[in-house]
Protein backbone atom coordinates (compact mmCIF):
# COMPACT_ATOMS: atom_id res chain seq x y z
CA MET A 1 7.17 31.17 -8.43
CA LEU A 2 2.92 30.49 -8.29
CA ASN A 3 3.87 27.49 -10.24
CA ALA A 4 5.91 26.89 -7.11
CA GLY A 5 3.78 26.65 -4.90
CA VAL A 6 1.38 24.45 -7.23
CA GLU A 7 4.46 21.96 -7.47
CA VAL A 8 5.42 21.90 -3.50
CA ASN A 9 1.43 21.62 -2.43
CA GLU A 10 0.55 18.75 -5.20
CA ALA A 11 3.59 17.38 -3.78
CA LEU A 12 2.53 17.41 -0.26
CA VAL A 13 -1.02 16.10 -1.07
CA GLN A 14 0.68 12.86 -2.61
CA TYR A 15 2.07 12.00 0.51
CA GLN A 16 -0.01 12.62 3.10
CA THR A 17 -2.92 10.59 0.53
CA ALA A 18 -0.99 7.78 0.38
CA ARG A 19 0.43 8.07 4.04
CA GLU A 20 -3.31 8.24 5.09
CA LYS A 21 -3.76 5.18 3.08
CA ALA A 22 -0.85 3.10 4.84
CA ASP A 23 -2.16 2.79 7.51
CA TYR A 24 -5.07 1.14 5.89
CA TYR A 25 -3.13 -1.07 3.75
CA ASP A 26 -1.37 -2.24 7.18
CA LYS A 27 -4.30 -3.20 8.94
CA GLN A 28 -5.67 -4.56 5.90
CA VAL A 29 -2.50 -7.22 5.00
CA ALA A 30 -2.37 -7.73 8.50
CA SER A 31 -5.85 -9.06 8.68
CA LEU A 32 -5.65 -10.92 5.52
CA GLN A 33 -2.62 -13.13 6.81
CA THR A 34 -4.91 -14.44 9.56
CA ALA A 35 -7.42 -15.04 7.47
CA ALA A 36 -5.18 -16.77 4.53
CA LYS A 37 -4.11 -18.91 8.45
CA SER A 38 -7.15 -19.46 9.09
CA THR A 39 -7.78 -21.28 5.97
CA SER A 40 -5.23 -23.32 5.87
CA LEU A 41 -6.02 -24.66 9.29
CA LEU A 42 -9.34 -25.19 8.53
CA MET A 43 -8.23 -27.23 5.03
CA LYS A 44 -5.78 -29.00 7.50
CA HIS A 45 -9.14 -30.39 9.40
CA GLY A 46 -10.47 -30.92 6.63
CA ASN A 47 -13.00 -28.23 6.63
CA THR A 48 -13.01 -26.21 3.61
CA THR A 49 -11.31 -27.28 0.45
CA TYR A 50 -7.93 -25.85 -1.74
CA LEU A 51 -9.63 -23.34 -3.31
CA GLU A 52 -10.91 -21.24 -0.47
CA VAL A 53 -7.26 -21.43 0.78
CA LEU A 54 -5.89 -20.00 -2.78
CA THR A 55 -8.43 -17.36 -2.89
CA ALA A 56 -7.00 -16.23 0.78
CA GLN A 57 -3.89 -16.10 -0.45
CA GLN A 58 -4.38 -14.54 -3.52
CA THR A 59 -6.74 -12.01 -1.85
CA LEU A 60 -3.61 -11.53 0.17
CA LEU A 61 -1.19 -10.76 -2.51
CA ASN A 62 -3.47 -8.75 -3.88
CA ALA A 63 -3.83 -6.96 -0.93
CA GLN A 64 0.61 -6.93 -0.53
CA LEU A 65 0.68 -5.61 -4.03
CA SER A 66 -1.45 -2.70 -3.43
CA GLN A 67 0.42 -2.01 -0.12
CA VAL A 68 4.29 -2.02 -2.28
CA ALA A 69 1.84 0.51 -4.80
CA ASN A 70 1.29 2.87 -2.48
CA ARG A 71 4.29 2.46 -0.52
CA PHE A 72 6.15 3.96 -3.83
CA THR A 73 3.26 6.57 -4.51
CA GLU A 74 4.63 7.84 -0.80
CA ILE A 75 8.07 7.57 -2.10
CA GLN A 76 7.49 9.35 -5.05
CA GLY A 77 5.58 11.64 -3.47
CA VAL A 78 8.59 12.70 -1.51
CA ILE A 79 11.01 12.69 -4.10
CA THR A 80 8.92 15.26 -5.99
CA LEU A 81 8.37 17.67 -2.99
CA TYR A 82 12.43 17.23 -2.86
CA GLN A 83 12.22 18.55 -6.09
CA ALA A 84 9.92 21.50 -6.16
CA LEU A 85 11.37 23.07 -3.04
CA GLY A 86 14.84 23.27 -5.43
CA GLY A 87 16.15 20.20 -4.32
CA GLY A 88 18.59 18.29 -6.70
CA ARG A 89 18.51 20.67 -9.72
CA MET A 90 21.57 22.34 -11.30
């Protein structure tokens, strides 16, 4: 019984941590999307290089990958919580 309580607690912590990070990743991705668009506009007007555009896009992609990985962790936390509470077992 004690082990079940530990499993539930760990699953809740995993989910809550991922949920808190989700807000951070959402803001980060939105900010980097704006930065990537701005960098592209600067290049069109000759004020920056294509390398800087690529760097901005790569940074955005890395943030999006982190956002997706965090979402996966969040979903895993829900599944683990469901299983810890006795769901899905026969």
